[in-house]
Protein backbone atom coordinates (compact mmCIF):
# COMPACT_ATOMS: atom_id res chain seq x y z
CA MET A 1 184.30 85.98 105.12
CA ARG A 2 183.30 84.77 101.70
CA GLY A 3 181.61 81.70 102.94
CA LEU A 4 179.77 83.56 105.34
CA THR A 5 178.40 86.09 102.59
CA PHE A 6 177.58 83.19 100.48
CA GLY A 7 175.60 81.70 103.32
CA TRP A 8 173.55 84.58 103.86
CA VAL A 9 172.90 84.99 100.25
CA TRP A 10 171.84 81.59 99.68
CA CYS A 11 169.41 81.51 102.86
CA VAL A 12 167.62 84.84 101.70
CA ALA A 13 167.45 83.53 97.93
CA PHE A 14 165.99 80.07 99.39
CA LEU A 15 163.44 81.73 101.91
CA MET A 16 162.31 84.50 99.51
CA PRO A 17 159.62 82.64 97.74
CA PHE A 18 157.85 81.80 101.20
CA ALA A 19 158.10 85.43 102.45
CA GLY A 20 154.31 86.22 101.68
CA GLN A 21 152.71 82.83 102.48
CA ALA A 22 152.77 83.03 106.58
CA GLN A 23 149.93 85.21 106.68
CA ALA A 24 146.43 83.98 108.08
CA PRO A 25 143.82 83.55 105.62
CA ALA A 26 140.86 86.15 105.69
CA ALA A 27 137.84 85.27 107.30
CA LEU A 28 134.64 84.37 105.39
CA PRO A 29 131.73 86.40 106.00
CA ALA A 30 128.98 84.33 108.16
CA PRO A 31 125.65 83.28 106.42
CA ALA A 32 122.76 85.30 106.90
CA GLY A 33 121.09 84.50 110.42
CA ALA A 34 124.19 82.73 111.87
CA PRO A 35 125.65 83.95 114.83
CA ALA A 36 128.99 85.80 114.27
CA VAL A 37 132.09 83.78 115.32
CA ASN A 38 134.53 86.55 115.29
CA GLN A 39 132.96 88.51 118.43
CA LEU A 40 134.95 89.37 121.40
CA PRO A 41 134.34 87.32 124.25
CA VAL A 42 132.46 88.77 127.00
CA PRO A 43 134.80 89.76 130.06
CA PRO A 44 134.10 87.74 133.14
CA PRO A 45 132.50 89.44 136.01
CA ALA A 46 134.76 91.17 138.59
CA PRO A 47 135.99 88.78 141.20
CA GLU A 48 134.58 88.90 144.77
CA VAL A 49 136.66 90.95 147.28
CA PRO A 50 137.71 89.03 150.38
CA ARG A 51 135.50 90.17 153.16
CA GLU A 52 138.51 90.87 155.77
CA TRP A 53 139.90 93.26 153.11
CA LYS A 54 136.69 94.90 151.62
CA GLY A 55 136.58 99.00 152.03
CA LYS A 56 140.39 98.97 152.94
CA VAL A 57 143.21 100.95 151.19
CA VAL A 58 146.49 98.53 151.82
CA VAL A 59 149.87 100.58 151.47
CA SER A 60 153.08 99.16 150.76
CA ASP A 61 156.49 100.02 150.16
CA VAL A 62 157.19 97.24 148.11
CA LEU A 63 156.20 96.98 144.34
CA LEU A 64 152.97 95.01 143.94
CA ALA A 65 152.94 92.71 140.75
CA PRO A 66 150.01 93.99 138.46
CA GLU A 67 148.84 90.52 137.65
CA LEU A 68 147.99 89.95 141.15
CA GLY A 69 145.17 92.44 141.01
CA ALA A 70 143.14 90.25 138.65
CA ASN A 71 142.86 87.43 141.82
CA PRO A 72 142.06 89.42 145.04
CA GLN A 73 142.45 86.29 147.22
CA MET A 74 146.17 86.00 146.13
CA MET A 75 146.68 89.61 146.30
CA ALA A 76 145.21 89.79 149.89
CA ALA A 77 147.62 86.74 150.82
CA GLY A 78 150.59 88.38 149.67
CA LEU A 79 149.63 91.90 151.07
CA ARG A 80 149.56 90.43 154.93
CA ARG A 81 153.29 90.51 154.55
CA MET A 82 153.79 93.57 152.66
CA GLN A 83 151.32 96.06 154.32
CA ARG A 84 152.99 98.96 155.82
CA SER A 85 151.61 101.84 157.98
CA VAL A 86 154.63 103.99 157.85
CA ILE A 87 156.42 104.96 154.53
CA SER A 88 159.92 106.30 154.39
CA GLY A 89 160.69 109.32 152.16
CA VAL A 90 163.84 110.67 150.52
CA GLU A 91 164.41 114.28 150.17
CA GLY A 92 160.60 115.06 150.70
CA PHE A 93 159.48 112.71 148.09
CA TRP A 94 157.41 109.27 149.34
CA ARG A 95 156.96 106.30 146.84
CA MET A 96 154.15 103.90 147.81
CA HIS A 97 152.08 101.40 146.18
CA PHE A 98 148.54 100.47 147.03
CA VAL A 99 145.67 98.30 146.71
CA ALA A 100 142.31 99.49 147.38
CA PHE A 101 139.67 96.84 147.89
CA LEU A 102 136.32 98.58 147.14
CA GLU A 103 133.34 97.96 149.31
CA ARG A 104 131.19 97.94 146.01
CA PRO A 105 132.04 97.87 142.42
CA ALA A 106 132.81 101.34 141.15
CA GLU A 107 130.38 103.53 139.32
CA GLY A 108 131.73 105.54 136.47
CA GLU A 109 135.11 105.91 134.55
CA THR A 110 136.88 107.94 137.15
CA LEU A 111 137.59 107.60 140.78
CA ASN A 112 139.12 110.12 143.15
CA VAL A 113 141.93 109.08 145.51
CA VAL A 114 141.63 111.69 148.46
CA ALA A 115 144.70 112.26 150.78
CA THR A 116 143.47 113.97 154.39
CA ASP A 117 146.16 115.11 156.97
CA VAL A 118 144.47 113.48 160.18
CA THR A 119 147.46 114.16 162.55
CA ASP A 120 145.19 116.33 164.84
CA PRO A 121 141.75 114.65 164.43
CA SER A 122 139.98 117.73 165.53
CA ASN A 123 141.54 119.59 162.43
CA ARG A 124 141.21 117.32 159.39
CA LYS A 125 142.48 118.99 156.39
CA ASN A 126 142.26 117.73 152.63
CA VAL A 127 145.63 117.83 151.25
CA ARG A 128 145.34 116.52 147.76
CA VAL A 129 142.89 114.93 145.39
CA PHE A 130 143.87 112.50 142.62
CA GLU A 131 141.76 111.63 140.06
CA VAL A 132 142.49 108.05 138.29
CA PRO A 133 140.87 106.20 135.67
CA ALA A 134 138.49 103.17 136.46
CA ASP A 135 136.56 100.70 135.00
CA PRO A 136 132.74 100.64 135.75
CA ALA A 137 132.06 97.57 137.96
CA GLN A 138 135.69 97.55 139.03
CA ARG A 139 136.27 96.11 142.46
CA VAL A 140 140.03 96.47 143.06
CA LEU A 141 142.02 99.84 142.25
CA HIS A 142 145.94 98.90 141.98
CA MET A 143 148.33 101.76 142.01
CA ASN A 144 152.09 101.36 141.68
CA ASN A 145 154.77 104.16 142.00
CA PHE A 146 152.20 106.47 143.68
CA VAL A 147 154.45 109.53 144.78
CA VAL A 148 153.56 112.43 147.04
CA ALA A 149 155.97 115.14 147.86
CA GLU A 150 156.40 117.85 150.40
CA ASN A 151 155.83 120.56 147.52
CA MET A 152 152.16 119.04 147.09
CA GLY A 153 151.56 119.91 150.53
CA PHE A 154 152.57 116.66 152.47
CA GLU A 155 154.61 116.77 155.60
CA ARG A 156 157.06 114.22 157.33
CA GLY A 157 155.85 112.83 160.60
CA HIS A 158 152.01 113.55 159.53
CA GLN A 159 149.45 110.99 159.37
CA TYR A 160 147.19 110.77 156.24
CA GLU A 161 143.97 108.98 155.64
CA ILE A 162 143.72 107.82 151.85
CA THR A 163 140.30 107.29 150.55
CA VAL A 164 139.01 106.23 147.20
CA GLU A 165 135.57 107.96 146.52
CA LYS A 166 133.19 108.33 143.75
CA SER A 167 134.24 110.96 141.49
CA GLY A 168 131.96 113.87 140.73
CA THR A 169 130.05 113.95 144.40
CA PRO A 170 129.09 117.33 145.57
CA SER A 171 131.55 119.06 147.75
CA GLY A 172 131.07 118.22 151.25
CA LYS A 173 129.51 114.60 150.61
CA GLN A 174 131.51 111.81 150.72
CA ASP A 175 130.88 108.51 148.82
CA VAL A 176 133.94 106.36 150.13
CA TYR A 177 134.56 103.12 148.56
CA ALA A 178 137.70 102.12 150.58
CA ARG A 179 139.97 104.02 153.20
CA GLY A 180 143.37 103.49 154.88
CA VAL A 181 145.91 105.40 157.14
CA ILE A 182 149.53 105.87 156.71
CA THR A 183 152.30 108.04 158.40
CA LEU A 184 155.07 109.64 156.42
CA LYS A 185 158.50 109.10 157.76
């Protein structure tokens, strides 16, 4: 035990003089008229959505990796295997994961995810509107762990259309970016 204590004391005593030297040097100001070198890089343009997925909401019961959302082509390839039209629930709760491939870039900083009961096509009924944050010019909306429940108005055996819409549109007027249909089991 004595040797272990001495070892730690020796290690701390040896490294103490170097403790403050691991910091990066301060940046020097740029000369007048020279471009600033410490500017943040301009983000690349949003990747183009594959044509076959454009305007679709793809729902899965499998957790979707967030890093795939940066590459729509990779995401589309993985979704072909994970796409579901029926989501099973437990005790009145349904957990789903979805990716919406928007027809055009998002306009504004929020989007509405609207769930409409379409079990009876002649009696469509809006069940719930969820407001979600978005980046202007966003082309893909990726949502994991999206949970709906009976106490929110959802019912087992019903079919729901999930649409991603522009936020702030006047009542009765839809500006839909993407849509998909699921059944809750």
